[in-house]
Amino acid sequence: QVIGIDIIIDSKYNAWLLEINNSPSLNIMFEKEFSNEEPELSEIDKIIKLPMLSDVIELANMFRKNKDALESIDRHKSMAKIYSNSVFHPNPEFNMLHNVKIIFNFLTGLKKKDTITSSQFTKLYASSQTLVNNERLVKHDMALVFTAVLGKLKTVMDFTDFKYAMYKLYLKTKDAKKDLPEGEDINAQFTKFLESIVEEIS
């Protein structure tokens, strides 16, 4: 959402708030006093509004690939804060996405970028006893999973690819013939796998 904020600067360079508009005009044409006259381009509106609109479009497209997943997480987190547990029951998919997002944010570090590298993904192995102590998993498997998800041409992983990578990592920790449950239970087991990692990195 674009919000318009009008301020005035006094002679001592103090900023004073005049108005906050939740629906500002994005028009860059100056309307003439008489209706039959053609509007003219407002140079000051052009200087201010066009770069701003360019930034808005860039920001809107930046996380387009992850929009649905991230909106779902933020929406459910807000509901959980507003309502008690007796009223609001997050669905299993939310819990899964929420935990994946926590792990992803842990790997991106303080910069909070929207992608991670292979070395950042491998960092998770040393940070989680769930992974280190699993006899079916070694550190080199992290790089193998990273490459298997992205292919050899891509070098960075976004949130969407990371979700799939975590699921493939979970499958590597299991014996397909013995440990993998059937049907919907596999989602519950995957969620527990994520929760254990979240506890270890928190």
C-alpha atoms as a PDB file:
ATOM      1  CA  GLN A   1       0.000   0.000   0.000  1.00  0.00           C
ATOM      2  CA  VAL A   2       1.217   3.490  -0.866  1.00  0.00           C
ATOM      3  CA  ILE A   3       0.662   6.040   1.907  1.00  0.00           C
ATOM      4  CA  GLY A   4       1.043   9.778   1.344  1.00  0.00           C
ATOM      5  CA  ILE A   5       2.687  11.804   4.120  1.00  0.00           C
ATOM      6  CA  ASP A   6       2.670  15.607   3.866  1.00  0.00           C
ATOM      7  CA  ILE A   7       5.291  17.452   5.908  1.00  0.00           C
ATOM      8  CA  ILE A   8       6.534  21.029   6.088  1.00  0.00           C
ATOM      9  CA  ILE A   9      10.084  22.117   6.916  1.00  0.00           C
ATOM     10  CA  ASP A  10      10.421  25.320   8.944  1.00  0.00           C
ATOM     11  CA  SER A  11      13.296  27.807   8.875  1.00  0.00           C
ATOM     12  CA  LYS A  12      15.200  25.734  11.466  1.00  0.00           C
ATOM     13  CA  TYR A  13      14.838  22.585   9.363  1.00  0.00           C
ATOM     14  CA  ASN A  14      12.360  20.998  11.753  1.00  0.00           C
ATOM     15  CA  ALA A  15       9.867  18.668  10.080  1.00  0.00           C
ATOM     16  CA  TRP A  16       6.168  19.106  10.916  1.00  0.00           C
ATOM     17  CA  LEU A  17       3.557  16.526  10.004  1.00  0.00           C
ATOM     18  CA  LEU A  18       0.588  18.016   8.184  1.00  0.00           C
ATOM     19  CA  GLU A  19      -1.359  15.029   6.906  1.00  0.00           C
ATOM     20  CA  ILE A  20      -1.280  11.272   6.364  1.00  0.00           C
ATOM     21  CA  ASN A  21      -3.310  10.105   3.381  1.00  0.00           C
ATOM     22  CA  ASN A  22      -4.021   6.395   2.910  1.00  0.00           C
ATOM     23  CA  SER A  23      -5.094   6.987  -0.692  1.00  0.00           C
ATOM     24  CA  PRO A  24      -2.769   9.608  -2.188  1.00  0.00           C
ATOM     25  CA  SER A  25      -3.113  10.834  -5.756  1.00  0.00           C
ATOM     26  CA  LEU A  26      -0.575   9.332  -8.134  1.00  0.00           C
ATOM     27  CA  ASN A  27      -1.526  11.732 -10.908  1.00  0.00           C
ATOM     28  CA  ILE A  28       1.388  13.667 -12.403  1.00  0.00           C
ATOM     29  CA  MET A  29      -0.779  15.933 -14.568  1.00  0.00           C
ATOM     30  CA  PHE A  30      -1.714  19.418 -13.371  1.00  0.00           C
ATOM     31  CA  GLU A  31      -5.398  20.202 -13.889  1.00  0.00           C
ATOM     32  CA  LYS A  32      -6.085  23.667 -15.295  1.00  0.00           C
ATOM     33  CA  GLU A  33      -8.556  26.076 -13.738  1.00  0.00           C
ATOM     34  CA  PHE A  34     -11.009  25.756 -16.613  1.00  0.00           C
ATOM     35  CA  SER A  35     -12.337  22.330 -17.575  1.00  0.00           C
ATOM     36  CA  ASN A  36     -11.920  22.899 -21.310  1.00  0.00           C
ATOM     37  CA  GLU A  37      -8.154  23.390 -20.985  1.00  0.00           C
ATOM     38  CA  GLU A  38      -5.778  20.475 -21.423  1.00  0.00           C
ATOM     39  CA  PRO A  39      -3.934  19.377 -18.249  1.00  0.00           C
ATOM     40  CA  GLU A  40      -0.182  19.925 -18.171  1.00  0.00           C
ATOM     41  CA  LEU A  41       2.597  17.761 -16.820  1.00  0.00           C
ATOM     42  CA  SER A  42       3.530  18.768 -13.276  1.00  0.00           C
ATOM     43  CA  GLU A  43       7.320  18.731 -13.125  1.00  0.00           C
ATOM     44  CA  ILE A  44       7.478  18.432  -9.342  1.00  0.00           C
ATOM     45  CA  ASP A  45       5.004  15.531  -9.317  1.00  0.00           C
ATOM     46  CA  LYS A  46       7.031  13.898 -12.081  1.00  0.00           C
ATOM     47  CA  ILE A  47      10.248  14.202 -10.053  1.00  0.00           C
ATOM     48  CA  ILE A  48       8.653  12.870  -6.849  1.00  0.00           C
ATOM     49  CA  LYS A  49       6.078  10.322  -7.975  1.00  0.00           C
ATOM     50  CA  LEU A  50       7.665   8.494 -10.910  1.00  0.00           C
ATOM     51  CA  PRO A  51      10.732   7.201  -8.977  1.00  0.00           C
ATOM     52  CA  MET A  52       8.446   6.304  -6.071  1.00  0.00           C
ATOM     53  CA  LEU A  53       6.133   4.307  -8.345  1.00  0.00           C
ATOM     54  CA  SER A  54       9.133   2.527  -9.820  1.00  0.00           C
ATOM     55  CA  ASP A  55      10.239   1.506  -6.310  1.00  0.00           C
ATOM     56  CA  VAL A  56       6.727   0.313  -5.428  1.00  0.00           C
ATOM     57  CA  ILE A  57       6.557  -1.920  -8.515  1.00  0.00           C
ATOM     58  CA  GLU A  58      10.011  -3.340  -7.785  1.00  0.00           C
ATOM     59  CA  LEU A  59       9.076  -4.124  -4.181  1.00  0.00           C
ATOM     60  CA  ALA A  60       5.785  -5.704  -5.244  1.00  0.00           C
ATOM     61  CA  ASN A  61       7.591  -8.047  -7.642  1.00  0.00           C
ATOM     62  CA  MET A  62      10.489  -8.855  -5.324  1.00  0.00           C
ATOM     63  CA  PHE A  63       8.716 -11.570  -3.348  1.00  0.00           C
ATOM     64  CA  ARG A  64       6.059 -12.436  -5.893  1.00  0.00           C
ATOM     65  CA  LYS A  65       7.271 -16.025  -6.064  1.00  0.00           C
ATOM     66  CA  ASN A  66       6.781 -16.507  -2.318  1.00  0.00           C
ATOM     67  CA  LYS A  67       3.773 -14.213  -1.920  1.00  0.00           C
ATOM     68  CA  ASP A  68       1.133 -16.826  -1.079  1.00  0.00           C
ATOM     69  CA  ALA A  69       3.298 -18.705   1.400  1.00  0.00           C
ATOM     70  CA  LEU A  70       4.523 -15.609   3.219  1.00  0.00           C
ATOM     71  CA  GLU A  71       1.070 -14.002   3.321  1.00  0.00           C
ATOM     72  CA  SER A  72      -0.333 -17.203   4.806  1.00  0.00           C
ATOM     73  CA  ILE A  73       2.325 -17.213   7.508  1.00  0.00           C
ATOM     74  CA  ASP A  74       1.857 -13.545   8.425  1.00  0.00           C
ATOM     75  CA  ARG A  75      -1.946 -13.846   8.394  1.00  0.00           C
ATOM     76  CA  HIS A  76      -1.985 -16.870  10.688  1.00  0.00           C
ATOM     77  CA  LYS A  77       0.574 -15.350  13.057  1.00  0.00           C
ATOM     78  CA  SER A  78      -1.625 -12.272  13.399  1.00  0.00           C
ATOM     79  CA  MET A  79      -4.708 -14.373  14.091  1.00  0.00           C
ATOM     80  CA  ALA A  80      -2.842 -16.408  16.698  1.00  0.00           C
ATOM     81  CA  LYS A  81      -1.893 -13.214  18.547  1.00  0.00           C
ATOM     82  CA  ILE A  82      -5.433 -11.825  18.480  1.00  0.00           C
ATOM     83  CA  TYR A  83      -7.320 -14.963  19.496  1.00  0.00           C
ATOM     84  CA  SER A  84      -6.636 -17.500  22.201  1.00  0.00           C
ATOM     85  CA  ASN A  85      -5.771 -21.111  21.383  1.00  0.00           C
ATOM     86  CA  SER A  86      -9.359 -22.086  22.179  1.00  0.00           C
ATOM     87  CA  VAL A  87     -10.579 -19.933  19.291  1.00  0.00           C
ATOM     88  CA  PHE A  88      -7.786 -20.113  16.739  1.00  0.00           C
ATOM     89  CA  HIS A  89      -6.311 -23.422  15.598  1.00  0.00           C
ATOM     90  CA  PRO A  90      -3.512 -23.051  13.013  1.00  0.00           C
ATOM     91  CA  ASN A  91      -3.674 -25.691  10.311  1.00  0.00           C
ATOM     92  CA  PRO A  92      -0.772 -28.150   9.905  1.00  0.00           C
ATOM     93  CA  GLU A  93       0.371 -26.462   6.700  1.00  0.00           C
ATOM     94  CA  PHE A  94       0.835 -23.188   8.571  1.00  0.00           C
ATOM     95  CA  ASN A  95       2.942 -24.853  11.276  1.00  0.00           C
ATOM     96  CA  MET A  96       5.081 -26.441   8.590  1.00  0.00           C
ATOM     97  CA  LEU A  97       5.614 -23.188   6.667  1.00  0.00           C
ATOM     98  CA  HIS A  98       6.199 -21.234   9.851  1.00  0.00           C
ATOM     99  CA  ASN A  99       8.996 -23.574  10.946  1.00  0.00           C
ATOM    100  CA  VAL A 100      10.579 -23.606   7.489  1.00  0.00           C
ATOM    101  CA  LYS A 101      10.573 -19.793   7.507  1.00  0.00           C
ATOM    102  CA  ILE A 102      12.276 -19.696  10.930  1.00  0.00           C
ATOM    103  CA  ILE A 103      15.029 -22.007   9.683  1.00  0.00           C
ATOM    104  CA  PHE A 104      15.402 -20.023   6.456  1.00  0.00           C
ATOM    105  CA  ASN A 105      15.721 -16.746   8.379  1.00  0.00           C
ATOM    106  CA  PHE A 106      18.327 -18.359  10.641  1.00  0.00           C
ATOM    107  CA  LEU A 107      20.443 -19.246   7.605  1.00  0.00           C
ATOM    108  CA  THR A 108      20.139 -15.829   5.947  1.00  0.00           C
ATOM    109  CA  GLY A 109      21.508 -14.230   9.120  1.00  0.00           C
ATOM    110  CA  LEU A 110      21.252 -10.582  10.095  1.00  0.00           C
ATOM    111  CA  LYS A 111      21.107  -9.387   6.480  1.00  0.00           C
ATOM    112  CA  LYS A 112      17.796 -11.243   6.013  1.00  0.00           C
ATOM    113  CA  LYS A 113      18.304 -11.746   2.277  1.00  0.00           C
ATOM    114  CA  ASP A 114      15.729 -13.657   0.239  1.00  0.00           C
ATOM    115  CA  THR A 115      18.212 -16.312  -0.955  1.00  0.00           C
ATOM    116  CA  ILE A 116      20.879 -18.569   0.553  1.00  0.00           C
ATOM    117  CA  THR A 117      24.017 -20.172  -0.853  1.00  0.00           C
ATOM    118  CA  SER A 118      25.156 -23.789  -0.651  1.00  0.00           C
ATOM    119  CA  SER A 119      27.545 -22.967   2.197  1.00  0.00           C
ATOM    120  CA  GLN A 120      24.724 -21.327   4.164  1.00  0.00           C
ATOM    121  CA  PHE A 121      22.523 -24.372   3.627  1.00  0.00           C
ATOM    122  CA  THR A 122      25.358 -26.673   4.770  1.00  0.00           C
ATOM    123  CA  LYS A 123      25.708 -24.525   7.902  1.00  0.00           C
ATOM    124  CA  LEU A 124      22.435 -26.023   9.113  1.00  0.00           C
ATOM    125  CA  TYR A 125      24.087 -29.430   9.539  1.00  0.00           C
ATOM    126  CA  ALA A 126      26.503 -28.223  12.222  1.00  0.00           C
ATOM    127  CA  SER A 127      23.732 -26.280  13.975  1.00  0.00           C
ATOM    128  CA  SER A 128      21.332 -29.199  14.417  1.00  0.00           C
ATOM    129  CA  GLN A 129      21.840 -32.323  16.503  1.00  0.00           C
ATOM    130  CA  THR A 130      18.833 -33.791  14.719  1.00  0.00           C
ATOM    131  CA  LEU A 131      20.904 -33.832  11.529  1.00  0.00           C
ATOM    132  CA  VAL A 132      24.337 -34.557  13.020  1.00  0.00           C
ATOM    133  CA  ASN A 133      23.113 -37.535  15.035  1.00  0.00           C
ATOM    134  CA  ASN A 134      21.209 -39.137  12.180  1.00  0.00           C
ATOM    135  CA  GLU A 135      23.145 -42.170  10.955  1.00  0.00           C
ATOM    136  CA  ARG A 136      21.750 -41.871   7.427  1.00  0.00           C
ATOM    137  CA  LEU A 137      22.990 -38.312   6.941  1.00  0.00           C
ATOM    138  CA  VAL A 138      26.495 -36.851   6.569  1.00  0.00           C
ATOM    139  CA  LYS A 139      27.592 -33.263   6.003  1.00  0.00           C
ATOM    140  CA  HIS A 140      28.230 -33.861   2.299  1.00  0.00           C
ATOM    141  CA  ASP A 141      24.549 -34.755   1.855  1.00  0.00           C
ATOM    142  CA  MET A 142      23.665 -31.095   2.421  1.00  0.00           C
ATOM    143  CA  ALA A 143      25.474 -30.046  -0.757  1.00  0.00           C
ATOM    144  CA  LEU A 144      23.937 -32.975  -2.635  1.00  0.00           C
ATOM    145  CA  VAL A 145      20.411 -31.927  -1.628  1.00  0.00           C
ATOM    146  CA  PHE A 146      21.152 -28.301  -2.541  1.00  0.00           C
ATOM    147  CA  THR A 147      22.300 -29.301  -6.031  1.00  0.00           C
ATOM    148  CA  ALA A 148      19.484 -31.813  -6.481  1.00  0.00           C
ATOM    149  CA  VAL A 149      16.882 -29.102  -5.870  1.00  0.00           C
ATOM    150  CA  LEU A 150      18.482 -26.310  -7.915  1.00  0.00           C
ATOM    151  CA  GLY A 151      20.439 -28.140 -10.587  1.00  0.00           C
ATOM    152  CA  LYS A 152      23.993 -27.224 -11.532  1.00  0.00           C
ATOM    153  CA  LEU A 153      23.256 -23.853 -13.134  1.00  0.00           C
ATOM    154  CA  LYS A 154      21.739 -22.021 -10.145  1.00  0.00           C
ATOM    155  CA  THR A 155      23.916 -21.015  -7.196  1.00  0.00           C
ATOM    156  CA  VAL A 156      21.401 -19.507  -4.764  1.00  0.00           C
ATOM    157  CA  MET A 157      18.219 -20.905  -3.258  1.00  0.00           C
ATOM    158  CA  ASP A 158      15.052 -18.904  -2.553  1.00  0.00           C
ATOM    159  CA  PHE A 159      12.357 -19.675   0.010  1.00  0.00           C
ATOM    160  CA  THR A 160      10.249 -21.774  -2.358  1.00  0.00           C
ATOM    161  CA  ASP A 161      13.194 -24.006  -3.279  1.00  0.00           C
ATOM    162  CA  PHE A 162      14.256 -24.143   0.372  1.00  0.00           C
ATOM    163  CA  LYS A 163      10.915 -25.660   1.403  1.00  0.00           C
ATOM    164  CA  TYR A 164      11.451 -28.485  -1.078  1.00  0.00           C
ATOM    165  CA  ALA A 165      15.087 -28.891   0.005  1.00  0.00           C
ATOM    166  CA  MET A 166      14.055 -29.317   3.642  1.00  0.00           C
ATOM    167  CA  TYR A 167      11.562 -31.993   2.631  1.00  0.00           C
ATOM    168  CA  LYS A 168      14.218 -33.850   0.624  1.00  0.00           C
ATOM    169  CA  LEU A 169      16.541 -33.551   3.610  1.00  0.00           C
ATOM    170  CA  TYR A 170      13.858 -35.063   5.824  1.00  0.00           C
ATOM    171  CA  LEU A 171      13.449 -37.997   3.419  1.00  0.00           C
ATOM    172  CA  LYS A 172      17.193 -38.616   3.539  1.00  0.00           C
ATOM    173  CA  THR A 173      17.004 -39.090   7.303  1.00  0.00           C
ATOM    174  CA  LYS A 174      14.437 -41.858   6.918  1.00  0.00           C
ATOM    175  CA  ASP A 175      14.535 -45.438   5.747  1.00  0.00           C
ATOM    176  CA  ALA A 176      11.877 -45.537   3.038  1.00  0.00           C
ATOM    177  CA  LYS A 177      11.038 -49.167   3.801  1.00  0.00           C
ATOM    178  CA  LYS A 178      10.672 -48.788   7.563  1.00  0.00           C
ATOM    179  CA  ASP A 179      10.386 -45.219   8.775  1.00  0.00           C
ATOM    180  CA  LEU A 180       8.154 -43.387   6.314  1.00  0.00           C
ATOM    181  CA  PRO A 181       4.476 -43.438   7.318  1.00  0.00           C
ATOM    182  CA  GLU A 182       1.692 -43.640   4.798  1.00  0.00           C
ATOM    183  CA  GLY A 183      -0.835 -40.971   3.859  1.00  0.00           C
ATOM    184  CA  GLU A 184      -1.231 -37.728   5.769  1.00  0.00           C
ATOM    185  CA  ASP A 185       0.962 -38.854   8.683  1.00  0.00           C
ATOM    186  CA  ILE A 186       4.066 -38.011   6.686  1.00  0.00           C
ATOM    187  CA  ASN A 187       3.215 -34.307   6.972  1.00  0.00           C
ATOM    188  CA  ALA A 188       2.965 -34.590  10.743  1.00  0.00           C
ATOM    189  CA  GLN A 189       6.322 -36.378  10.888  1.00  0.00           C
ATOM    190  CA  PHE A 190       7.907 -33.750   8.658  1.00  0.00           C
ATOM    191  CA  THR A 191       6.538 -30.998  10.917  1.00  0.00           C
ATOM    192  CA  LYS A 192       8.077 -32.690  13.979  1.00  0.00           C
ATOM    193  CA  PHE A 193      11.379 -32.906  12.112  1.00  0.00           C
ATOM    194  CA  LEU A 194      11.245 -29.153  11.449  1.00  0.00           C
ATOM    195  CA  GLU A 195      10.204 -28.355  15.023  1.00  0.00           C
ATOM    196  CA  SER A 196      13.186 -30.237  16.442  1.00  0.00           C
ATOM    197  CA  ILE A 197      15.560 -28.227  14.241  1.00  0.00           C
ATOM    198  CA  VAL A 198      13.871 -24.949  15.195  1.00  0.00           C
ATOM    199  CA  GLU A 199      14.355 -25.765  18.890  1.00  0.00           C
ATOM    200  CA  GLU A 200      18.049 -26.480  18.311  1.00  0.00           C
ATOM    201  CA  ILE A 201      18.787 -23.255  16.446  1.00  0.00           C
ATOM    202  CA  SER A 202      16.674 -20.986  18.662  1.00  0.00           C
END
